[in-house]
Amino acid sequence: MRITIKLFATLRNNRGKILENDFSEDTQIRDIIKGLGIDEKDVAILLKNGITAKMDDIPCDGDYLSIFPPVGGG
């Protein structure tokens, strides 16, 4: 299955903004994130097709993931 991954802010560093990769049908979102070298604790917001997702969700062919890190400020 082919998944589009949109990375935001610091998660883009050395990875890019939009990635398209092929994964096996039983791949969980946590496996995709781990494969990108991103630690789960560095993910603050996770969306699948614009809807809140969980690390153990399994995406479908054509889905897109949006991954945001925690944001600082004040």
C-alpha atoms as a PDB file:
ATOM      1  CA  MET A   1       0.000   0.000   0.000  1.00  0.00           C
ATOM      2  CA  ARG A   2       1.188   3.518  -0.761  1.00  0.00           C
ATOM      3  CA  ILE A   3       1.004   6.143   2.000  1.00  0.00           C
ATOM      4  CA  THR A   4       1.732   9.872   1.797  1.00  0.00           C
ATOM      5  CA  ILE A   5       3.409  11.310   4.880  1.00  0.00           C
ATOM      6  CA  LYS A   6       3.374  15.047   5.573  1.00  0.00           C
ATOM      7  CA  LEU A   7       5.911  16.204   8.138  1.00  0.00           C
ATOM      8  CA  PHE A   8       5.784  19.548   9.900  1.00  0.00           C
ATOM      9  CA  ALA A   9       8.239  21.889  11.660  1.00  0.00           C
ATOM     10  CA  THR A  10      11.356  20.207  13.068  1.00  0.00           C
ATOM     11  CA  LEU A  11      10.275  16.758  11.872  1.00  0.00           C
ATOM     12  CA  ARG A  12      11.147  17.884   8.329  1.00  0.00           C
ATOM     13  CA  ASN A  13      14.842  18.238   9.197  1.00  0.00           C
ATOM     14  CA  ASN A  14      16.814  15.806   7.018  1.00  0.00           C
ATOM     15  CA  ARG A  15      13.579  14.063   5.978  1.00  0.00           C
ATOM     16  CA  GLY A  16      11.659  16.403   3.707  1.00  0.00           C
ATOM     17  CA  LYS A  17       8.180  17.870   3.733  1.00  0.00           C
ATOM     18  CA  ILE A  18       6.121  15.268   1.878  1.00  0.00           C
ATOM     19  CA  LEU A  19       7.137  11.622   1.511  1.00  0.00           C
ATOM     20  CA  GLU A  20       5.444   8.801  -0.362  1.00  0.00           C
ATOM     21  CA  ASN A  21       6.367   5.269   0.641  1.00  0.00           C
ATOM     22  CA  ASP A  22       5.086   1.741   0.163  1.00  0.00           C
ATOM     23  CA  PHE A  23       4.268  -0.379   3.210  1.00  0.00           C
ATOM     24  CA  SER A  24       2.857  -3.843   3.836  1.00  0.00           C
ATOM     25  CA  GLU A  25      -0.883  -4.119   4.521  1.00  0.00           C
ATOM     26  CA  ASP A  26      -0.445  -4.746   8.269  1.00  0.00           C
ATOM     27  CA  THR A  27       1.896  -1.820   9.010  1.00  0.00           C
ATOM     28  CA  GLN A  28       0.902   0.266  12.013  1.00  0.00           C
ATOM     29  CA  ILE A  29       1.444   4.020  12.074  1.00  0.00           C
ATOM     30  CA  ARG A  30       4.011   3.562  14.855  1.00  0.00           C
ATOM     31  CA  ASP A  31       6.082   1.388  12.476  1.00  0.00           C
ATOM     32  CA  ILE A  32       5.996   4.100   9.820  1.00  0.00           C
ATOM     33  CA  ILE A  33       7.102   6.746  12.335  1.00  0.00           C
ATOM     34  CA  LYS A  34       9.858   4.525  13.688  1.00  0.00           C
ATOM     35  CA  GLY A  35      11.048   3.829  10.144  1.00  0.00           C
ATOM     36  CA  LEU A  36      11.458   7.572   9.612  1.00  0.00           C
ATOM     37  CA  GLY A  37      13.723   7.761  12.659  1.00  0.00           C
ATOM     38  CA  ILE A  38      11.152   9.702  14.667  1.00  0.00           C
ATOM     39  CA  ASP A  39      10.683   8.869  18.349  1.00  0.00           C
ATOM     40  CA  GLU A  40       7.024   8.500  19.394  1.00  0.00           C
ATOM     41  CA  LYS A  41       7.554  11.075  22.157  1.00  0.00           C
ATOM     42  CA  ASP A  42       8.420  13.612  19.446  1.00  0.00           C
ATOM     43  CA  VAL A  43       4.932  13.327  17.924  1.00  0.00           C
ATOM     44  CA  ALA A  44       2.374  15.699  19.460  1.00  0.00           C
ATOM     45  CA  ILE A  45      -0.346  15.566  16.798  1.00  0.00           C
ATOM     46  CA  LEU A  46      -1.008  12.644  14.479  1.00  0.00           C
ATOM     47  CA  LEU A  47      -3.674  12.804  11.776  1.00  0.00           C
ATOM     48  CA  LYS A  48      -4.787  10.220   9.227  1.00  0.00           C
ATOM     49  CA  ASN A  49      -6.677  11.831   6.344  1.00  0.00           C
ATOM     50  CA  GLY A  50      -7.199  14.918   8.519  1.00  0.00           C
ATOM     51  CA  ILE A  51      -8.688  12.993  11.462  1.00  0.00           C
ATOM     52  CA  THR A  52      -6.952  12.280  14.769  1.00  0.00           C
ATOM     53  CA  ALA A  53      -5.169   8.914  14.653  1.00  0.00           C
ATOM     54  CA  LYS A  54      -3.471   6.579  17.119  1.00  0.00           C
ATOM     55  CA  MET A  55      -0.043   4.988  16.873  1.00  0.00           C
ATOM     56  CA  ASP A  56      -1.538   1.492  16.569  1.00  0.00           C
ATOM     57  CA  ASP A  57      -3.908   2.423  13.694  1.00  0.00           C
ATOM     58  CA  ILE A  58      -3.295   0.669  10.391  1.00  0.00           C
ATOM     59  CA  PRO A  59      -3.595   2.985   7.391  1.00  0.00           C
ATOM     60  CA  CYS A  60      -5.068   1.946   4.038  1.00  0.00           C
ATOM     61  CA  ASP A  61      -3.697   2.389   0.542  1.00  0.00           C
ATOM     62  CA  GLY A  62      -3.898   6.039  -0.495  1.00  0.00           C
ATOM     63  CA  ASP A  63      -4.154   7.418   3.052  1.00  0.00           C
ATOM     64  CA  TYR A  64      -2.079  10.381   4.127  1.00  0.00           C
ATOM     65  CA  LEU A  65      -0.555  10.977   7.522  1.00  0.00           C
ATOM     66  CA  SER A  66       0.196  14.389   8.985  1.00  0.00           C
ATOM     67  CA  ILE A  67       2.743  14.361  11.791  1.00  0.00           C
ATOM     68  CA  PHE A  68       3.400  17.377  14.016  1.00  0.00           C
ATOM     69  CA  PRO A  69       5.990  17.755  16.798  1.00  0.00           C
ATOM     70  CA  PRO A  70       5.329  19.514  20.115  1.00  0.00           C
ATOM     71  CA  VAL A  71       5.448  23.283  19.678  1.00  0.00           C
ATOM     72  CA  GLY A  72       7.153  25.657  22.078  1.00  0.00           C
ATOM     73  CA  GLY A  73       6.437  29.285  22.569  1.00  0.00           C
ATOM     74  CA  GLY A  74       5.018  31.716  24.922  1.00  0.00           C
END
